[in-house]
Amino acid sequence: MTAQDFILKTYNSNIQNGTVKWTSPSNIALVKYWGKKEHQIPENPSISFTLSNCKTITEVTYTKKESKDFSFDVYFEGEKNAAFKPKIQTFFERIEAYMPFLKAYHFKIETSNTFPHSSGIASSASGMSAIALCLMSIEKELGVSQSDSEESQDYFNQKASFLARLGSGSACRSIEGELVIWGKNESFKGSSDLYGVKFQGEVHKNFKNYQDTILLVDKGEKQVSSTVGHKLMFGHPFAKERFTQAHDNLAKLKDILASGDLIAFVKIVESEALTLHAMMMTSTPYFILMKPNTLEIINKIWTFREQTNSKVCFTLDAGANVHVLYPDCEKEMVLEFIINELAQFCQNGHYICDQIGSGAQLIKN
């Protein structure tokens, strides 16, 4: 697929109104992407677990209009929210070439999360993917494609992921599950810089129903946004080596997922998390998003693993909060550890229990 394949050539302009509703999950990258080229193209490939409970629910009502400008209102948790409008405006401008009906309708976008906003969970991933999926359902309603064939569904998912990427890079990994690759890599046939691809390789039973408990160390806004952080990879002294490392780690992870080697999994996942933050700390200007309690949690996990031979590990997004990953067979033991030793380092003791999921779901069409 190329970007040209996603350009909508014609649609039924006689449809006056309608409503669609999707729920789309967040995701947590195992191999991180940091740094992007023009048009939201990643500098290196990534792979993520799709989450299950941490998701965004979005309903879009569309009504035919006469004016030829973008027209939309955004409601978050039931309240009109002007702060989200600039990001949606930019998103519409980026995708108009692929969805020319956008200026023909007024859109009422109502969205809510099952997790705290700005809690360090990738709300932009779940949020932008949910909107992209709603727009794809509208495209289908306008009579572009009425087929429910497997080929048609593949196109639907690919274009939804393609559009979501133009809203937020990591959003392209939230359409499907349980594992999604984004970025061209020689080890994965069909991988693409343009959209996320469902992992088709063998997955050992050790990784089935994998658990992710998110420790909310800091619920505040980040001091440096991911958008700014990505840009700082231009001219970064270690950028080239980092991009090569990500390609290598992704190739290694393919074999690890097949073999069920949890020890090797832990090493790559934790190394990727620390490398991500090392890139932040060695950029110009440099910055640190981890907090003292982030480091306390990491050290506690290392100690616990050494004492119990557990396969629990951590990963981090671009923030202070910690994702604690562990196999389902250790659920009881690790949750007890989190309650007794890690919750004290969370803001107000808050943490969220989640697990890997199967992707977005249509609620109303």
Protein backbone atom coordinates (compact mmCIF):
# COMPACT_ATOMS: atom_id res chain seq x y z
CA MET A 1 0.00 0.00 0.00
CA THR A 2 1.07 3.57 -0.72
CA ALA A 3 -0.47 6.82 0.49
CA GLN A 4 -2.09 7.24 -2.94
CA ASP A 5 -4.11 4.05 -2.38
CA PHE A 6 -5.92 5.73 0.52
CA ILE A 7 -7.24 8.72 -1.46
CA LEU A 8 -11.03 8.66 -1.58
CA LYS A 9 -12.10 9.29 -5.19
CA THR A 10 -15.90 9.50 -4.83
CA TYR A 11 -18.66 9.35 -2.23
CA ASN A 12 -22.45 9.65 -1.94
CA SER A 13 -23.06 13.32 -1.18
CA ASN A 14 -26.81 12.83 -0.68
CA ILE A 15 -26.51 11.40 2.83
CA GLN A 16 -27.63 14.11 5.25
CA ASN A 17 -26.60 12.86 8.69
CA GLY A 18 -25.64 9.91 10.85
CA THR A 19 -23.87 8.78 14.01
CA VAL A 20 -21.04 6.33 14.62
CA LYS A 21 -19.34 5.24 17.82
CA TRP A 22 -16.09 3.37 18.46
CA THR A 23 -13.99 2.41 21.43
CA SER A 24 -10.24 2.23 20.89
CA PRO A 25 -7.52 1.20 23.36
CA SER A 26 -4.21 2.70 24.27
CA ASN A 27 -1.03 0.69 23.71
CA ILE A 28 2.38 0.31 25.31
CA ALA A 29 5.47 0.03 23.12
CA LEU A 30 7.99 -2.72 23.85
CA VAL A 31 10.46 -1.44 21.24
CA LYS A 32 10.15 2.35 21.31
CA TYR A 33 10.01 4.83 18.47
CA TRP A 34 11.62 8.18 19.18
CA GLY A 35 12.23 10.61 16.36
CA LYS A 36 10.12 11.07 13.26
CA LYS A 37 10.45 12.36 9.74
CA GLU A 38 8.03 14.56 7.81
CA HIS A 39 4.37 13.47 7.72
CA GLN A 40 4.59 11.46 10.93
CA ILE A 41 6.94 8.83 9.49
CA PRO A 42 8.96 7.05 12.21
CA GLU A 43 12.74 7.12 12.22
CA ASN A 44 12.75 3.56 13.55
CA PRO A 45 10.23 0.70 13.83
CA SER A 46 8.37 -0.17 17.01
CA ILE A 47 6.16 -2.93 18.41
CA SER A 48 3.52 -2.62 21.09
CA PHE A 49 1.10 -4.52 23.27
CA THR A 50 -2.46 -3.31 22.68
CA LEU A 51 -4.15 -2.69 26.03
CA SER A 52 -7.65 -3.77 26.99
CA ASN A 53 -9.13 -1.61 29.77
CA CYS A 54 -7.44 1.75 29.09
CA LYS A 55 -9.43 3.05 26.15
CA THR A 56 -11.25 6.00 24.63
CA ILE A 57 -14.94 5.93 23.70
CA THR A 58 -15.78 8.33 20.88
CA GLU A 59 -19.10 9.11 19.20
CA VAL A 60 -19.20 11.27 16.07
CA THR A 61 -22.44 12.75 14.76
CA TYR A 62 -22.22 14.23 11.27
CA THR A 63 -24.67 16.66 9.64
CA LYS A 64 -24.64 17.96 6.04
CA LYS A 65 -23.83 21.68 5.71
CA GLU A 66 -23.27 24.27 2.98
CA SER A 67 -20.09 26.13 4.00
CA LYS A 68 -16.76 24.81 2.72
CA ASP A 69 -14.68 25.07 5.89
CA PHE A 70 -13.96 22.50 8.56
CA SER A 71 -16.73 22.58 11.14
CA PHE A 72 -16.69 20.59 14.36
CA ASP A 73 -17.27 20.74 18.10
CA VAL A 74 -15.42 18.61 20.63
CA TYR A 75 -16.91 17.42 23.93
CA PHE A 76 -14.72 15.68 26.52
CA GLU A 77 -16.40 13.89 29.43
CA GLY A 78 -19.67 15.67 28.51
CA GLU A 79 -18.22 19.19 28.55
CA LYS A 80 -17.43 21.28 25.48
CA ASN A 81 -13.65 21.43 25.22
CA ALA A 82 -12.00 24.14 23.12
CA ALA A 83 -8.50 23.01 24.13
CA PHE A 84 -8.76 19.92 21.92
CA LYS A 85 -9.86 21.85 18.82
CA PRO A 86 -6.42 22.90 17.48
CA LYS A 87 -5.22 19.29 17.42
CA ILE A 88 -8.38 18.12 15.62
CA GLN A 89 -8.08 21.04 13.19
CA THR A 90 -4.50 20.01 12.35
CA PHE A 91 -5.62 16.40 12.01
CA PHE A 92 -8.41 17.31 9.57
CA GLU A 93 -6.02 19.43 7.51
CA ARG A 94 -3.59 16.50 7.25
CA ILE A 95 -6.20 13.94 6.20
CA GLU A 96 -8.46 16.06 3.96
CA ALA A 97 -6.75 14.77 0.81
CA TYR A 98 -7.77 11.24 1.79
CA MET A 99 -11.29 12.13 3.00
CA PRO A 100 -12.63 15.01 0.86
CA PHE A 101 -16.07 14.83 2.49
CA LEU A 102 -14.72 16.41 5.70
CA LYS A 103 -15.72 19.95 4.69
CA ALA A 104 -19.19 18.85 3.60
CA TYR A 105 -20.32 17.99 7.13
CA HIS A 106 -20.39 19.42 10.62
CA PHE A 107 -19.03 16.95 13.17
CA LYS A 108 -19.99 16.69 16.82
CA ILE A 109 -17.21 14.72 18.49
CA GLU A 110 -18.03 13.36 21.96
CA THR A 111 -15.20 11.53 23.68
CA SER A 112 -14.31 10.12 27.07
CA ASN A 113 -11.58 7.93 28.57
CA THR A 114 -11.74 5.00 30.96
CA PHE A 115 -8.53 6.32 32.55
CA PRO A 116 -7.43 9.72 33.89
CA HIS A 117 -6.49 12.21 31.18
CA SER A 118 -2.83 13.31 31.32
CA SER A 119 -2.05 10.33 33.53
CA GLY A 120 0.88 9.21 31.45
CA ILE A 121 -1.16 6.66 29.52
CA ALA A 122 -1.14 7.26 25.78
CA SER A 123 -4.49 9.08 25.52
CA SER A 124 -3.47 10.56 22.17
CA ALA A 125 -3.08 7.00 20.82
CA SER A 126 -6.53 5.86 21.93
CA GLY A 127 -8.15 9.23 21.22
CA MET A 128 -6.89 9.79 17.68
CA SER A 129 -7.39 6.16 16.67
CA ALA A 130 -11.00 6.31 17.89
CA ILE A 131 -11.68 9.41 15.78
CA ALA A 132 -9.98 7.84 12.76
CA LEU A 133 -12.16 4.75 13.10
CA CYS A 134 -15.31 6.86 13.33
CA LEU A 135 -14.33 8.70 10.16
CA MET A 136 -13.68 5.40 8.41
CA SER A 137 -17.15 4.19 9.38
CA ILE A 138 -18.59 7.43 8.00
CA GLU A 139 -16.63 6.87 4.78
CA LYS A 140 -18.19 3.41 4.56
CA GLU A 141 -21.66 4.81 5.28
CA LEU A 142 -21.26 7.28 2.44
CA GLY A 143 -21.29 4.31 0.12
CA VAL A 144 -17.62 4.01 -0.72
CA SER A 145 -17.34 0.36 0.28
CA GLN A 146 -20.24 -1.79 1.40
CA SER A 147 -18.26 -5.02 1.27
CA ASP A 148 -17.63 -6.97 4.46
CA SER A 149 -15.03 -9.20 2.85
CA GLU A 150 -11.72 -9.91 4.56
CA GLU A 151 -9.93 -7.83 1.92
CA SER A 152 -12.26 -4.89 2.55
CA GLN A 153 -11.73 -5.19 6.32
CA ASP A 154 -7.96 -5.23 5.84
CA TYR A 155 -8.22 -2.01 3.81
CA PHE A 156 -10.49 -0.47 6.46
CA ASN A 157 -7.99 -1.24 9.24
CA GLN A 158 -4.98 -0.12 7.20
CA LYS A 159 -6.54 3.20 6.25
CA ALA A 160 -7.80 3.77 9.80
CA SER A 161 -4.26 3.17 11.07
CA PHE A 162 -2.84 5.39 8.32
CA LEU A 163 -5.18 8.24 9.29
CA ALA A 164 -4.62 7.76 13.03
CA ARG A 165 -0.86 8.07 12.45
CA LEU A 166 -1.41 11.54 11.01
CA GLY A 167 -3.10 12.53 14.27
CA SER A 168 -0.64 10.87 16.63
CA GLY A 169 2.14 8.51 15.61
CA SER A 170 1.51 5.82 18.22
CA ALA A 171 -2.24 5.90 17.47
CA CYS A 172 -1.62 3.75 14.39
CA ARG A 173 -0.80 0.85 16.74
CA SER A 174 -4.20 0.97 18.52
CA ILE A 175 -6.48 -0.30 15.74
CA GLU A 176 -5.73 -4.01 16.18
CA GLY A 177 -4.12 -6.31 18.74
CA GLU A 178 -2.61 -8.09 20.53
CA LEU A 179 0.79 -7.09 19.13
CA VAL A 180 1.23 -4.42 16.46
CA ILE A 181 4.32 -3.40 14.48
CA TRP A 182 4.77 0.06 13.02
CA GLY A 183 7.71 0.89 10.81
CA LYS A 184 9.45 -0.93 8.00
CA ASN A 185 11.71 -3.75 9.23
CA GLU A 186 13.34 -6.48 7.17
CA SER A 187 12.35 -9.18 9.67
CA PHE A 188 8.63 -8.55 9.17
CA LYS A 189 7.06 -9.00 5.77
CA GLY A 190 4.40 -6.38 5.11
CA SER A 191 5.62 -3.97 7.79
CA SER A 192 5.15 -0.34 6.82
CA ASP A 193 6.06 3.19 7.86
CA LEU A 194 2.55 4.30 6.83
CA TYR A 195 0.43 2.23 9.20
CA GLY A 196 0.55 -0.37 11.94
CA VAL A 197 0.47 -4.07 11.06
CA LYS A 198 -0.86 -6.85 13.27
CA PHE A 199 1.97 -9.17 14.33
CA GLN A 200 1.53 -12.41 12.38
CA GLY A 201 4.39 -14.42 13.87
CA GLU A 202 4.19 -17.23 16.39
CA VAL A 203 3.45 -16.15 19.96
CA HIS A 204 4.33 -18.54 22.80
CA LYS A 205 1.75 -19.26 25.51
CA ASN A 206 3.98 -17.37 27.98
CA PHE A 207 2.87 -14.12 26.35
CA LYS A 208 -0.84 -14.89 26.20
CA ASN A 209 -3.00 -12.65 28.42
CA TYR A 210 0.09 -10.68 29.46
CA GLN A 211 -0.55 -8.23 32.31
CA ASP A 212 0.22 -4.51 32.51
CA THR A 213 -0.28 -2.58 35.73
CA ILE A 214 0.30 1.15 35.26
CA LEU A 215 1.73 2.93 38.30
CA LEU A 216 0.67 6.59 38.28
CA VAL A 217 3.75 8.29 39.67
CA ASP A 218 2.85 11.71 38.28
CA LYS A 219 -0.54 12.67 36.85
CA GLY A 220 0.53 16.16 35.80
CA GLU A 221 1.35 17.48 32.35
CA LYS A 222 4.81 16.56 31.11
CA GLN A 223 7.47 19.26 31.26
CA VAL A 224 8.46 18.50 27.66
CA SER A 225 5.92 17.16 25.17
CA SER A 226 6.58 14.11 23.04
CA THR A 227 6.26 16.29 19.92
CA VAL A 228 9.17 18.44 21.11
CA GLY A 229 11.13 15.37 22.21
CA HIS A 230 10.83 13.73 18.80
CA LYS A 231 12.19 16.85 17.10
CA LEU A 232 15.25 16.81 19.34
CA MET A 233 16.39 13.58 17.68
CA PHE A 234 17.43 15.70 14.68
CA GLY A 235 21.16 16.17 15.10
CA HIS A 236 21.22 13.99 18.23
CA PRO A 237 24.76 12.57 18.62
CA PHE A 238 23.45 9.04 19.27
CA ALA A 239 20.47 9.02 16.89
CA LYS A 240 21.94 6.79 14.19
CA GLU A 241 23.05 4.14 16.69
CA ARG A 242 19.67 4.27 18.42
CA PHE A 243 17.74 3.70 15.18
CA THR A 244 19.96 0.71 14.37
CA GLN A 245 19.46 -0.65 17.89
CA ALA A 246 15.67 -0.50 17.51
CA HIS A 247 15.79 -2.48 14.25
CA ASP A 248 18.00 -5.10 15.89
CA ASN A 249 15.85 -5.37 19.01
CA LEU A 250 12.68 -5.77 16.95
CA ALA A 251 14.26 -8.63 15.00
CA LYS A 252 15.36 -10.29 18.26
CA LEU A 253 11.91 -9.87 19.79
CA LYS A 254 10.35 -11.83 16.93
CA ASP A 255 12.32 -14.93 18.00
CA ILE A 256 11.72 -14.27 21.70
CA LEU A 257 7.94 -14.10 21.24
CA ALA A 258 8.03 -17.44 19.44
CA SER A 259 10.30 -19.20 21.94
CA GLY A 260 8.68 -17.85 25.10
CA ASP A 261 12.06 -16.74 26.50
CA LEU A 262 10.89 -14.45 29.32
CA ILE A 263 14.41 -13.62 30.52
CA ALA A 264 15.41 -12.32 27.08
CA PHE A 265 12.08 -10.47 26.87
CA VAL A 266 12.76 -8.67 30.15
CA LYS A 267 16.24 -7.59 29.01
CA ILE A 268 15.05 -6.06 25.74
CA VAL A 269 11.96 -4.37 27.19
CA GLU A 270 13.80 -2.73 30.09
CA SER A 271 16.75 -1.75 27.90
CA GLU A 272 14.38 -0.11 25.42
CA ALA A 273 12.68 1.87 28.19
CA LEU A 274 15.96 3.16 29.61
CA THR A 275 17.36 3.90 26.16
CA LEU A 276 14.30 6.04 25.39
CA HIS A 277 14.99 8.18 28.45
CA ALA A 278 18.72 8.20 27.75
CA MET A 279 17.93 9.87 24.41
CA MET A 280 16.04 12.58 26.28
CA MET A 281 18.85 13.12 28.77
CA THR A 282 21.48 13.42 26.01
CA SER A 283 19.58 15.65 23.57
CA THR A 284 20.17 19.38 23.19
CA PRO A 285 18.49 20.81 25.17
CA TYR A 286 18.46 17.85 27.57
CA PHE A 287 15.56 17.01 29.86
CA ILE A 288 14.45 14.38 32.39
CA LEU A 289 10.88 13.07 32.61
CA MET A 290 11.50 10.39 35.24
CA LYS A 291 10.79 11.33 38.86
CA PRO A 292 12.55 10.09 42.02
CA ASN A 293 9.68 7.67 42.61
CA THR A 294 10.13 6.27 39.09
CA LEU A 295 13.65 5.21 40.07
CA GLU A 296 12.45 3.87 43.42
CA ILE A 297 9.97 1.61 41.61
CA ILE A 298 12.58 0.39 39.12
CA ASN A 299 14.98 -0.56 41.89
CA LYS A 300 12.20 -2.29 43.84
CA ILE A 301 11.32 -4.36 40.75
CA TRP A 302 14.95 -5.37 40.26
CA THR A 303 15.25 -6.42 43.90
CA PHE A 304 11.98 -8.35 43.82
CA ARG A 305 12.99 -10.16 40.65
CA GLU A 306 16.32 -11.18 42.13
CA GLN A 307 14.74 -12.45 45.35
CA THR A 308 11.82 -14.34 43.81
CA ASN A 309 13.01 -15.33 40.33
CA SER A 310 9.92 -13.55 39.00
CA LYS A 311 9.78 -12.49 35.33
CA VAL A 312 8.17 -9.15 36.14
CA CYS A 313 9.68 -6.15 34.36
CA PHE A 314 9.03 -2.47 33.73
CA THR A 315 8.72 -0.24 30.73
CA LEU A 316 8.26 3.51 30.43
CA ASP A 317 6.61 5.84 27.96
CA ALA A 318 7.77 9.43 27.59
CA GLY A 319 6.89 10.29 31.18
CA ALA A 320 7.34 9.38 34.82
CA ASN A 321 4.78 6.61 35.13
CA VAL A 322 5.79 2.96 35.14
CA HIS A 323 4.17 0.09 33.26
CA VAL A 324 4.73 -3.13 35.19
CA LEU A 325 4.61 -6.08 32.76
CA TYR A 326 4.31 -9.68 33.89
CA PRO A 327 2.99 -13.06 32.69
CA ASP A 328 -0.53 -14.05 33.68
CA CYS A 329 0.75 -16.99 35.76
CA GLU A 330 2.42 -14.49 38.16
CA LYS A 331 -0.62 -12.24 38.51
CA GLU A 332 -1.42 -12.97 42.15
CA MET A 333 2.19 -12.72 43.33
CA VAL A 334 2.99 -9.52 41.43
CA LEU A 335 -0.21 -7.73 42.44
CA GLU A 336 0.59 -8.46 46.07
CA PHE A 337 4.06 -6.99 45.49
CA ILE A 338 2.56 -3.89 43.86
CA ILE A 339 0.11 -3.34 46.72
CA ASN A 340 2.67 -3.90 49.46
CA GLU A 341 5.76 -2.25 48.01
CA LEU A 342 5.07 -0.14 44.90
CA ALA A 343 1.74 1.62 45.46
CA GLN A 344 3.37 3.88 48.06
CA PHE A 345 5.37 5.53 45.25
CA CYS A 346 2.26 6.33 43.20
CA GLN A 347 0.47 9.66 43.39
CA ASN A 348 -2.32 9.13 45.94
CA GLY A 349 -1.54 5.41 45.73
CA HIS A 350 -3.18 5.18 42.32
CA TYR A 351 -2.47 2.45 39.80
CA ILE A 352 -4.45 0.82 36.97
CA CYS A 353 -4.61 -2.91 36.25
CA ASP A 354 -4.76 -3.80 32.58
CA GLN A 355 -3.79 -6.58 30.19
CA ILE A 356 -3.21 -7.03 26.49
CA GLY A 357 -6.32 -6.81 24.32
CA SER A 358 -7.55 -7.43 20.81
CA GLY A 359 -8.00 -3.89 19.52
CA ALA A 360 -10.74 -1.37 18.75
CA GLN A 361 -14.45 -2.19 18.64
CA LEU A 362 -17.42 -0.69 16.80
CA ILE A 363 -20.19 0.21 19.25
CA LYS A 364 -22.79 1.98 17.08
CA ASN A 365 -23.11 2.45 13.34
